[in-house]
Amino acid sequence: MKQQFCEILENKPLTDLVWRMILKADTSAITAPGQFVNLKLAGLYLRRPISICDWDDTTITIIYKVVGEGTEQMTKLRTGDEVDALIGLGNGYDMEKAGENPLLLGGGVGVPPMYGLAKGLIARGKKVKVILGFNTKEEIFYEEEFKALGAEVFVTTADGSYGTKGFVTDVMKQETYSYFFTCGPMPMFKAIEAAAVTSGQYSFEERMGCGFGACMGCTCKTKYGNKRICKDGPVLEREEIVW
């Protein structure tokens, strides 16, 4: 983990509620897709944890949804502003377990970490399938970016306004895969758990206090005792989770 003040290179909307921010940063603390940053915002006591979508040697890309005071304040930040960030938090996805044709499932704001993961897996020669789940056509983002990586992409919408009508599991049940990776809301996770036919890894979305394991405010029950989502996660393996 590294704390640093990062210059904002871009901060713009992708949809009505989803924004992309690119930060100039030392990314040496990022070791795997699925890790996150924790941003300090003026006047707010708790930092805001945001999944890392992509990174290179000098920049971090994050995608966030405007859902409250903190993320609303983030939309007011402009190019050239600086933000206090803790970088390289959490344990990311273990790509060594993917097999040859992994399946990635992202729901809503669980889509961004799937991008960095797909990029890493494709660079390792894996044949990657990605299922992106949204409520409506208007909420869709990053479909073309995943395709540009070389992934086979499926999109589902709950209202049927685009792609397959239904949920990510409606496509998942029709596909073959060696392993799965996912990030999204708990109802999606429980549906995936009921449908999955292989092992996999879940990245949990959770409210956090400190973001680095000190406060024990974001625990998840596992077969090996309670684990901290911020420190021991956010990625946990299917076999260890107690639902």
C-alpha atoms as a PDB file:
ATOM      1  CA  MET A   1       0.000   0.000   0.000  1.00  0.00           C
ATOM      2  CA  LYS A   2       1.200   3.496  -0.845  1.00  0.00           C
ATOM      3  CA  GLN A   3      -0.307   6.844   0.088  1.00  0.00           C
ATOM      4  CA  GLN A   4       0.201   9.646  -2.403  1.00  0.00           C
ATOM      5  CA  PHE A   5      -1.362  12.758  -3.858  1.00  0.00           C
ATOM      6  CA  CYS A   6      -2.391  11.924  -7.409  1.00  0.00           C
ATOM      7  CA  GLU A   7      -3.046  14.420 -10.185  1.00  0.00           C
ATOM      8  CA  ILE A   8      -6.332  13.935 -12.013  1.00  0.00           C
ATOM      9  CA  LEU A   9      -5.736  13.532 -15.758  1.00  0.00           C
ATOM     10  CA  GLU A  10      -9.371  12.838 -16.671  1.00  0.00           C
ATOM     11  CA  ASN A  11     -12.743  12.806 -14.934  1.00  0.00           C
ATOM     12  CA  LYS A  12     -15.741  12.427 -17.218  1.00  0.00           C
ATOM     13  CA  PRO A  13     -19.121  10.663 -17.407  1.00  0.00           C
ATOM     14  CA  LEU A  14     -19.558   7.407 -19.324  1.00  0.00           C
ATOM     15  CA  THR A  15     -23.322   7.281 -18.650  1.00  0.00           C
ATOM     16  CA  ASP A  16     -25.725   9.451 -16.646  1.00  0.00           C
ATOM     17  CA  LEU A  17     -24.405   8.049 -13.357  1.00  0.00           C
ATOM     18  CA  VAL A  18     -21.118   6.296 -14.174  1.00  0.00           C
ATOM     19  CA  TRP A  19     -17.871   8.272 -14.401  1.00  0.00           C
ATOM     20  CA  ARG A  20     -14.275   7.440 -15.324  1.00  0.00           C
ATOM     21  CA  MET A  21     -11.308   9.036 -13.562  1.00  0.00           C
ATOM     22  CA  ILE A  22      -7.687   8.646 -14.615  1.00  0.00           C
ATOM     23  CA  LEU A  23      -5.021   9.442 -12.019  1.00  0.00           C
ATOM     24  CA  LYS A  24      -1.311  10.064 -12.488  1.00  0.00           C
ATOM     25  CA  ALA A  25       0.284   7.821  -9.885  1.00  0.00           C
ATOM     26  CA  ASP A  26       3.100   5.554  -8.797  1.00  0.00           C
ATOM     27  CA  THR A  27       1.455   2.169  -9.403  1.00  0.00           C
ATOM     28  CA  SER A  28       4.218  -0.059  -8.031  1.00  0.00           C
ATOM     29  CA  ALA A  29       1.975  -1.182  -5.130  1.00  0.00           C
ATOM     30  CA  ILE A  30      -0.570  -2.689  -7.534  1.00  0.00           C
ATOM     31  CA  THR A  31       0.232  -6.375  -7.970  1.00  0.00           C
ATOM     32  CA  ALA A  32      -2.988  -7.933  -9.329  1.00  0.00           C
ATOM     33  CA  PRO A  33      -6.323  -7.032 -10.928  1.00  0.00           C
ATOM     34  CA  GLY A  34      -9.080  -6.732  -8.348  1.00  0.00           C
ATOM     35  CA  GLN A  35      -7.205  -4.470  -5.941  1.00  0.00           C
ATOM     36  CA  PHE A  36      -8.620  -1.054  -5.058  1.00  0.00           C
ATOM     37  CA  VAL A  37      -7.764   2.519  -4.116  1.00  0.00           C
ATOM     38  CA  ASN A  38      -9.153   4.454  -1.152  1.00  0.00           C
ATOM     39  CA  LEU A  39      -9.729   8.155  -1.823  1.00  0.00           C
ATOM     40  CA  LYS A  40      -9.887  10.929   0.778  1.00  0.00           C
ATOM     41  CA  LEU A  41     -12.455  13.619  -0.008  1.00  0.00           C
ATOM     42  CA  ALA A  42     -12.726  17.049   1.599  1.00  0.00           C
ATOM     43  CA  GLY A  43     -15.115  17.236   4.526  1.00  0.00           C
ATOM     44  CA  LEU A  44     -15.811  13.484   4.647  1.00  0.00           C
ATOM     45  CA  TYR A  45     -14.425  11.349   7.477  1.00  0.00           C
ATOM     46  CA  LEU A  46     -14.216   8.000   5.697  1.00  0.00           C
ATOM     47  CA  ARG A  47     -12.283   7.406   2.501  1.00  0.00           C
ATOM     48  CA  ARG A  48     -14.121   6.013  -0.538  1.00  0.00           C
ATOM     49  CA  PRO A  49     -12.928   2.588  -1.798  1.00  0.00           C
ATOM     50  CA  ILE A  50     -13.003   2.267  -5.599  1.00  0.00           C
ATOM     51  CA  SER A  51     -11.941  -0.780  -7.639  1.00  0.00           C
ATOM     52  CA  ILE A  52      -9.041  -0.354 -10.040  1.00  0.00           C
ATOM     53  CA  CYS A  53     -10.230  -0.790 -13.615  1.00  0.00           C
ATOM     54  CA  ASP A  54      -6.840  -0.551 -15.352  1.00  0.00           C
ATOM     55  CA  TRP A  55      -3.326   0.671 -14.721  1.00  0.00           C
ATOM     56  CA  ASP A  56       0.089   1.080 -16.298  1.00  0.00           C
ATOM     57  CA  ASP A  57       3.423   2.336 -14.950  1.00  0.00           C
ATOM     58  CA  THR A  58       2.206   5.910 -14.406  1.00  0.00           C
ATOM     59  CA  THR A  59      -1.614   5.937 -14.379  1.00  0.00           C
ATOM     60  CA  ILE A  60      -4.622   4.343 -12.693  1.00  0.00           C
ATOM     61  CA  THR A  61      -8.092   4.217 -14.222  1.00  0.00           C
ATOM     62  CA  ILE A  62     -11.077   3.938 -11.894  1.00  0.00           C
ATOM     63  CA  ILE A  63     -14.773   3.869 -12.753  1.00  0.00           C
ATOM     64  CA  TYR A  64     -17.345   4.891 -10.160  1.00  0.00           C
ATOM     65  CA  LYS A  65     -21.109   5.232  -9.922  1.00  0.00           C
ATOM     66  CA  VAL A  66     -22.696   8.325  -8.381  1.00  0.00           C
ATOM     67  CA  VAL A  67     -24.677   6.885  -5.470  1.00  0.00           C
ATOM     68  CA  GLY A  68     -24.081   9.257  -2.552  1.00  0.00           C
ATOM     69  CA  GLU A  69     -22.341  12.314  -1.150  1.00  0.00           C
ATOM     70  CA  GLY A  70     -18.822  11.018  -1.718  1.00  0.00           C
ATOM     71  CA  THR A  71     -19.172   9.957  -5.324  1.00  0.00           C
ATOM     72  CA  GLU A  72     -21.194  13.090  -6.090  1.00  0.00           C
ATOM     73  CA  GLN A  73     -18.287  15.143  -4.752  1.00  0.00           C
ATOM     74  CA  MET A  74     -15.912  13.172  -6.961  1.00  0.00           C
ATOM     75  CA  THR A  75     -17.735  14.409 -10.072  1.00  0.00           C
ATOM     76  CA  LYS A  76     -16.788  17.982  -9.117  1.00  0.00           C
ATOM     77  CA  LEU A  77     -13.063  17.238  -9.336  1.00  0.00           C
ATOM     78  CA  ARG A  78     -11.353  18.598 -12.428  1.00  0.00           C
ATOM     79  CA  THR A  79      -8.283  17.860 -14.530  1.00  0.00           C
ATOM     80  CA  GLY A  80      -5.225  19.095 -12.656  1.00  0.00           C
ATOM     81  CA  ASP A  81      -6.769  18.686  -9.197  1.00  0.00           C
ATOM     82  CA  GLU A  82      -5.057  16.372  -6.736  1.00  0.00           C
ATOM     83  CA  VAL A  83      -6.620  13.641  -4.657  1.00  0.00           C
ATOM     84  CA  ASP A  84      -5.165  11.880  -1.607  1.00  0.00           C
ATOM     85  CA  ALA A  85      -5.148   8.150  -2.417  1.00  0.00           C
ATOM     86  CA  LEU A  86      -4.148   4.908  -0.733  1.00  0.00           C
ATOM     87  CA  ILE A  87      -3.081   2.676  -3.625  1.00  0.00           C
ATOM     88  CA  GLY A  88      -2.711  -1.090  -3.958  1.00  0.00           C
ATOM     89  CA  LEU A  89      -5.134  -2.143  -1.239  1.00  0.00           C
ATOM     90  CA  GLY A  90      -6.554  -5.635  -0.867  1.00  0.00           C
ATOM     91  CA  ASN A  91      -5.728  -8.945  -2.483  1.00  0.00           C
ATOM     92  CA  GLY A  92      -6.679  -9.252  -6.137  1.00  0.00           C
ATOM     93  CA  TYR A  93      -7.596 -12.141  -8.406  1.00  0.00           C
ATOM     94  CA  ASP A  94      -5.312 -15.172  -8.677  1.00  0.00           C
ATOM     95  CA  MET A  95      -4.993 -15.581 -12.446  1.00  0.00           C
ATOM     96  CA  GLU A  96      -2.970 -18.788 -12.133  1.00  0.00           C
ATOM     97  CA  LYS A  97      -6.171 -20.743 -11.463  1.00  0.00           C
ATOM     98  CA  ALA A  98      -8.017 -19.569 -14.582  1.00  0.00           C
ATOM     99  CA  GLY A  99      -7.516 -22.549 -16.871  1.00  0.00           C
ATOM    100  CA  GLU A 100      -7.638 -22.059 -20.631  1.00  0.00           C
ATOM    101  CA  ASN A 101     -11.116 -20.528 -21.080  1.00  0.00           C
ATOM    102  CA  PRO A 102     -12.133 -18.522 -18.011  1.00  0.00           C
ATOM    103  CA  LEU A 103     -15.486 -16.791 -17.671  1.00  0.00           C
ATOM    104  CA  LEU A 104     -15.706 -13.275 -16.223  1.00  0.00           C
ATOM    105  CA  LEU A 105     -19.005 -11.931 -14.853  1.00  0.00           C
ATOM    106  CA  GLY A 106     -19.466  -8.282 -13.908  1.00  0.00           C
ATOM    107  CA  GLY A 107     -22.638  -6.655 -12.657  1.00  0.00           C
ATOM    108  CA  GLY A 108     -23.033  -2.858 -12.732  1.00  0.00           C
ATOM    109  CA  VAL A 109     -20.144  -1.239 -10.874  1.00  0.00           C
ATOM    110  CA  GLY A 110     -18.658  -4.730 -10.595  1.00  0.00           C
ATOM    111  CA  VAL A 111     -17.706  -4.431 -14.280  1.00  0.00           C
ATOM    112  CA  PRO A 112     -14.551  -2.243 -13.929  1.00  0.00           C
ATOM    113  CA  PRO A 113     -12.226  -4.752 -12.188  1.00  0.00           C
ATOM    114  CA  MET A 114     -13.203  -7.328 -14.815  1.00  0.00           C
ATOM    115  CA  TYR A 115     -11.477  -5.151 -17.426  1.00  0.00           C
ATOM    116  CA  GLY A 116      -8.043  -5.276 -15.827  1.00  0.00           C
ATOM    117  CA  LEU A 117      -8.529  -8.980 -15.187  1.00  0.00           C
ATOM    118  CA  ALA A 118      -9.521  -9.686 -18.810  1.00  0.00           C
ATOM    119  CA  LYS A 119      -6.495  -7.730 -19.996  1.00  0.00           C
ATOM    120  CA  GLY A 120      -4.186  -9.769 -17.789  1.00  0.00           C
ATOM    121  CA  LEU A 121      -5.688 -13.123 -18.747  1.00  0.00           C
ATOM    122  CA  ILE A 122      -5.631 -12.381 -22.489  1.00  0.00           C
ATOM    123  CA  ALA A 123      -1.984 -11.334 -22.181  1.00  0.00           C
ATOM    124  CA  ARG A 124      -1.378 -14.838 -20.797  1.00  0.00           C
ATOM    125  CA  GLY A 125      -2.963 -16.422 -23.846  1.00  0.00           C
ATOM    126  CA  LYS A 126      -6.301 -17.310 -22.267  1.00  0.00           C
ATOM    127  CA  LYS A 127      -9.538 -17.443 -24.280  1.00  0.00           C
ATOM    128  CA  VAL A 128     -11.694 -15.104 -22.234  1.00  0.00           C
ATOM    129  CA  LYS A 129     -15.482 -14.798 -22.186  1.00  0.00           C
ATOM    130  CA  VAL A 130     -17.063 -11.828 -20.411  1.00  0.00           C
ATOM    131  CA  ILE A 131     -20.685 -11.400 -19.334  1.00  0.00           C
ATOM    132  CA  LEU A 132     -21.676  -7.842 -18.408  1.00  0.00           C
ATOM    133  CA  GLY A 133     -24.942  -7.344 -16.534  1.00  0.00           C
ATOM    134  CA  PHE A 134     -26.929  -4.093 -16.358  1.00  0.00           C
ATOM    135  CA  ASN A 135     -30.494  -3.027 -15.612  1.00  0.00           C
ATOM    136  CA  THR A 136     -31.103  -1.084 -18.844  1.00  0.00           C
ATOM    137  CA  LYS A 137     -29.417  -0.193 -22.140  1.00  0.00           C
ATOM    138  CA  GLU A 138     -28.722   3.329 -20.833  1.00  0.00           C
ATOM    139  CA  GLU A 139     -26.492   1.942 -18.061  1.00  0.00           C
ATOM    140  CA  ILE A 140     -24.139  -0.036 -20.307  1.00  0.00           C
ATOM    141  CA  PHE A 141     -20.467   0.914 -20.404  1.00  0.00           C
ATOM    142  CA  TYR A 142     -17.178  -0.646 -21.547  1.00  0.00           C
ATOM    143  CA  GLU A 143     -18.681  -3.242 -23.894  1.00  0.00           C
ATOM    144  CA  GLU A 144     -16.512  -2.070 -26.790  1.00  0.00           C
ATOM    145  CA  GLU A 145     -13.423  -1.773 -24.587  1.00  0.00           C
ATOM    146  CA  PHE A 146     -13.692  -5.456 -23.622  1.00  0.00           C
ATOM    147  CA  LYS A 147     -14.140  -6.429 -27.265  1.00  0.00           C
ATOM    148  CA  ALA A 148     -11.049  -4.404 -28.190  1.00  0.00           C
ATOM    149  CA  LEU A 149      -9.017  -6.554 -25.786  1.00  0.00           C
ATOM    150  CA  GLY A 150     -10.047  -9.652 -27.728  1.00  0.00           C
ATOM    151  CA  ALA A 151     -12.616 -11.036 -25.286  1.00  0.00           C
ATOM    152  CA  GLU A 152     -15.883 -12.640 -26.353  1.00  0.00           C
ATOM    153  CA  VAL A 153     -18.481 -10.339 -24.803  1.00  0.00           C
ATOM    154  CA  PHE A 154     -22.097 -10.933 -23.806  1.00  0.00           C
ATOM    155  CA  VAL A 155     -24.367  -8.232 -22.383  1.00  0.00           C
ATOM    156  CA  THR A 156     -27.536  -8.788 -20.372  1.00  0.00           C
ATOM    157  CA  THR A 157     -30.153  -6.243 -19.326  1.00  0.00           C
ATOM    158  CA  ALA A 158     -32.836  -6.892 -16.749  1.00  0.00           C
ATOM    159  CA  ASP A 159     -35.462  -5.101 -18.849  1.00  0.00           C
ATOM    160  CA  GLY A 160     -34.417  -6.649 -22.173  1.00  0.00           C
ATOM    161  CA  SER A 161     -33.605  -3.295 -23.778  1.00  0.00           C
ATOM    162  CA  TYR A 162     -30.232  -4.617 -25.043  1.00  0.00           C
ATOM    163  CA  GLY A 163     -28.541  -7.980 -25.405  1.00  0.00           C
ATOM    164  CA  THR A 164     -29.973 -10.938 -23.540  1.00  0.00           C
ATOM    165  CA  LYS A 165     -33.001 -10.188 -21.388  1.00  0.00           C
ATOM    166  CA  GLY A 166     -32.337 -11.284 -17.833  1.00  0.00           C
ATOM    167  CA  PHE A 167     -29.227 -11.664 -15.728  1.00  0.00           C
ATOM    168  CA  VAL A 168     -25.614 -12.791 -16.118  1.00  0.00           C
ATOM    169  CA  THR A 169     -26.548 -16.305 -15.035  1.00  0.00           C
ATOM    170  CA  ASP A 170     -28.947 -16.646 -17.980  1.00  0.00           C
ATOM    171  CA  VAL A 171     -25.915 -16.565 -20.281  1.00  0.00           C
ATOM    172  CA  MET A 172     -23.620 -18.368 -17.849  1.00  0.00           C
ATOM    173  CA  LYS A 173     -25.822 -21.480 -17.922  1.00  0.00           C
ATOM    174  CA  GLN A 174     -25.349 -21.735 -21.691  1.00  0.00           C
ATOM    175  CA  GLU A 175     -21.550 -21.413 -21.753  1.00  0.00           C
ATOM    176  CA  THR A 176     -18.657 -23.760 -21.052  1.00  0.00           C
ATOM    177  CA  TYR A 177     -15.688 -22.468 -19.057  1.00  0.00           C
ATOM    178  CA  SER A 178     -12.697 -23.668 -17.056  1.00  0.00           C
ATOM    179  CA  TYR A 179     -13.078 -21.276 -14.113  1.00  0.00           C
ATOM    180  CA  PHE A 180     -15.004 -18.124 -13.254  1.00  0.00           C
ATOM    181  CA  PHE A 181     -14.232 -14.713 -11.789  1.00  0.00           C
ATOM    182  CA  THR A 182     -16.883 -12.233 -10.719  1.00  0.00           C
ATOM    183  CA  CYS A 183     -17.606  -8.896  -9.070  1.00  0.00           C
ATOM    184  CA  GLY A 184     -21.023  -7.433  -8.348  1.00  0.00           C
ATOM    185  CA  PRO A 185     -23.882  -7.246  -5.848  1.00  0.00           C
ATOM    186  CA  MET A 186     -24.747 -10.017  -3.400  1.00  0.00           C
ATOM    187  CA  PRO A 187     -27.974 -11.166  -5.158  1.00  0.00           C
ATOM    188  CA  MET A 188     -25.903 -11.742  -8.310  1.00  0.00           C
ATOM    189  CA  PHE A 189     -23.336 -13.702  -6.317  1.00  0.00           C
ATOM    190  CA  LYS A 190     -25.967 -16.016  -4.856  1.00  0.00           C
ATOM    191  CA  ALA A 191     -27.395 -16.661  -8.332  1.00  0.00           C
ATOM    192  CA  ILE A 192     -23.910 -17.415  -9.666  1.00  0.00           C
ATOM    193  CA  GLU A 193     -23.213 -19.738  -6.753  1.00  0.00           C
ATOM    194  CA  ALA A 194     -26.338 -21.724  -7.619  1.00  0.00           C
ATOM    195  CA  ALA A 195     -25.464 -21.898 -11.327  1.00  0.00           C
ATOM    196  CA  ALA A 196     -21.671 -22.330 -11.372  1.00  0.00           C
ATOM    197  CA  VAL A 197     -20.199 -25.685 -12.393  1.00  0.00           C
ATOM    198  CA  THR A 198     -16.526 -24.912 -11.645  1.00  0.00           C
ATOM    199  CA  SER A 199     -14.479 -23.283  -8.942  1.00  0.00           C
ATOM    200  CA  GLY A 200     -14.139 -19.507  -9.011  1.00  0.00           C
ATOM    201  CA  GLN A 201     -13.337 -16.263  -7.234  1.00  0.00           C
ATOM    202  CA  TYR A 202     -15.719 -13.598  -5.931  1.00  0.00           C
ATOM    203  CA  SER A 203     -14.734  -9.965  -5.377  1.00  0.00           C
ATOM    204  CA  PHE A 204     -16.984  -8.483  -2.703  1.00  0.00           C
ATOM    205  CA  GLU A 205     -18.378  -4.952  -2.715  1.00  0.00           C
ATOM    206  CA  GLU A 206     -18.490  -3.806   0.905  1.00  0.00           C
ATOM    207  CA  ARG A 207     -18.671  -0.611   2.941  1.00  0.00           C
ATOM    208  CA  MET A 208     -15.331  -0.033   4.634  1.00  0.00           C
ATOM    209  CA  GLY A 209     -13.955   1.970   7.509  1.00  0.00           C
ATOM    210  CA  CYS A 210     -10.173   2.122   7.319  1.00  0.00           C
ATOM    211  CA  GLY A 211      -9.660   0.104   4.142  1.00  0.00           C
ATOM    212  CA  PHE A 212      -6.517  -1.691   5.333  1.00  0.00           C
ATOM    213  CA  GLY A 213      -7.623  -4.140   8.015  1.00  0.00           C
ATOM    214  CA  ALA A 214      -7.388  -2.192  11.254  1.00  0.00           C
ATOM    215  CA  CYS A 215     -11.043  -1.601  12.144  1.00  0.00           C
ATOM    216  CA  MET A 216     -12.605  -5.020  11.328  1.00  0.00           C
ATOM    217  CA  GLY A 217     -15.634  -3.205   9.913  1.00  0.00           C
ATOM    218  CA  CYS A 218     -15.992  -5.225   6.709  1.00  0.00           C
ATOM    219  CA  THR A 219     -15.807  -8.882   7.670  1.00  0.00           C
ATOM    220  CA  CYS A 220     -17.153 -11.868   5.734  1.00  0.00           C
ATOM    221  CA  LYS A 221     -17.862 -15.295   7.218  1.00  0.00           C
ATOM    222  CA  THR A 222     -15.709 -18.069   5.760  1.00  0.00           C
ATOM    223  CA  LYS A 223     -14.944 -21.691   6.620  1.00  0.00           C
ATOM    224  CA  TYR A 224     -11.716 -20.442   8.167  1.00  0.00           C
ATOM    225  CA  GLY A 225     -13.307 -17.756  10.342  1.00  0.00           C
ATOM    226  CA  ASN A 226     -14.180 -14.145   9.613  1.00  0.00           C
ATOM    227  CA  LYS A 227     -12.057 -12.490   6.938  1.00  0.00           C
ATOM    228  CA  ARG A 228     -11.680  -8.763   6.327  1.00  0.00           C
ATOM    229  CA  ILE A 229     -12.880  -7.780   2.861  1.00  0.00           C
ATOM    230  CA  CYS A 230     -10.412  -4.891   2.672  1.00  0.00           C
ATOM    231  CA  LYS A 231      -7.322  -6.831   3.782  1.00  0.00           C
ATOM    232  CA  ASP A 232      -7.951 -10.559   3.234  1.00  0.00           C
ATOM    233  CA  GLY A 233     -10.185  -9.799   0.220  1.00  0.00           C
ATOM    234  CA  PRO A 234     -11.896  -8.278  -1.597  1.00  0.00           C
ATOM    235  CA  VAL A 235     -11.352 -11.492  -3.587  1.00  0.00           C
ATOM    236  CA  LEU A 236     -12.292 -14.771  -1.905  1.00  0.00           C
ATOM    237  CA  GLU A 237     -12.399 -18.263  -3.376  1.00  0.00           C
ATOM    238  CA  ARG A 238     -15.707 -20.026  -3.874  1.00  0.00           C
ATOM    239  CA  GLU A 239     -14.863 -22.968  -1.623  1.00  0.00           C
ATOM    240  CA  GLU A 240     -14.127 -20.874   1.447  1.00  0.00           C
ATOM    241  CA  ILE A 241     -17.227 -18.659   1.511  1.00  0.00           C
ATOM    242  CA  VAL A 242     -20.103 -19.303   3.936  1.00  0.00           C
ATOM    243  CA  TRP A 243     -23.192 -17.858   2.267  1.00  0.00           C
END
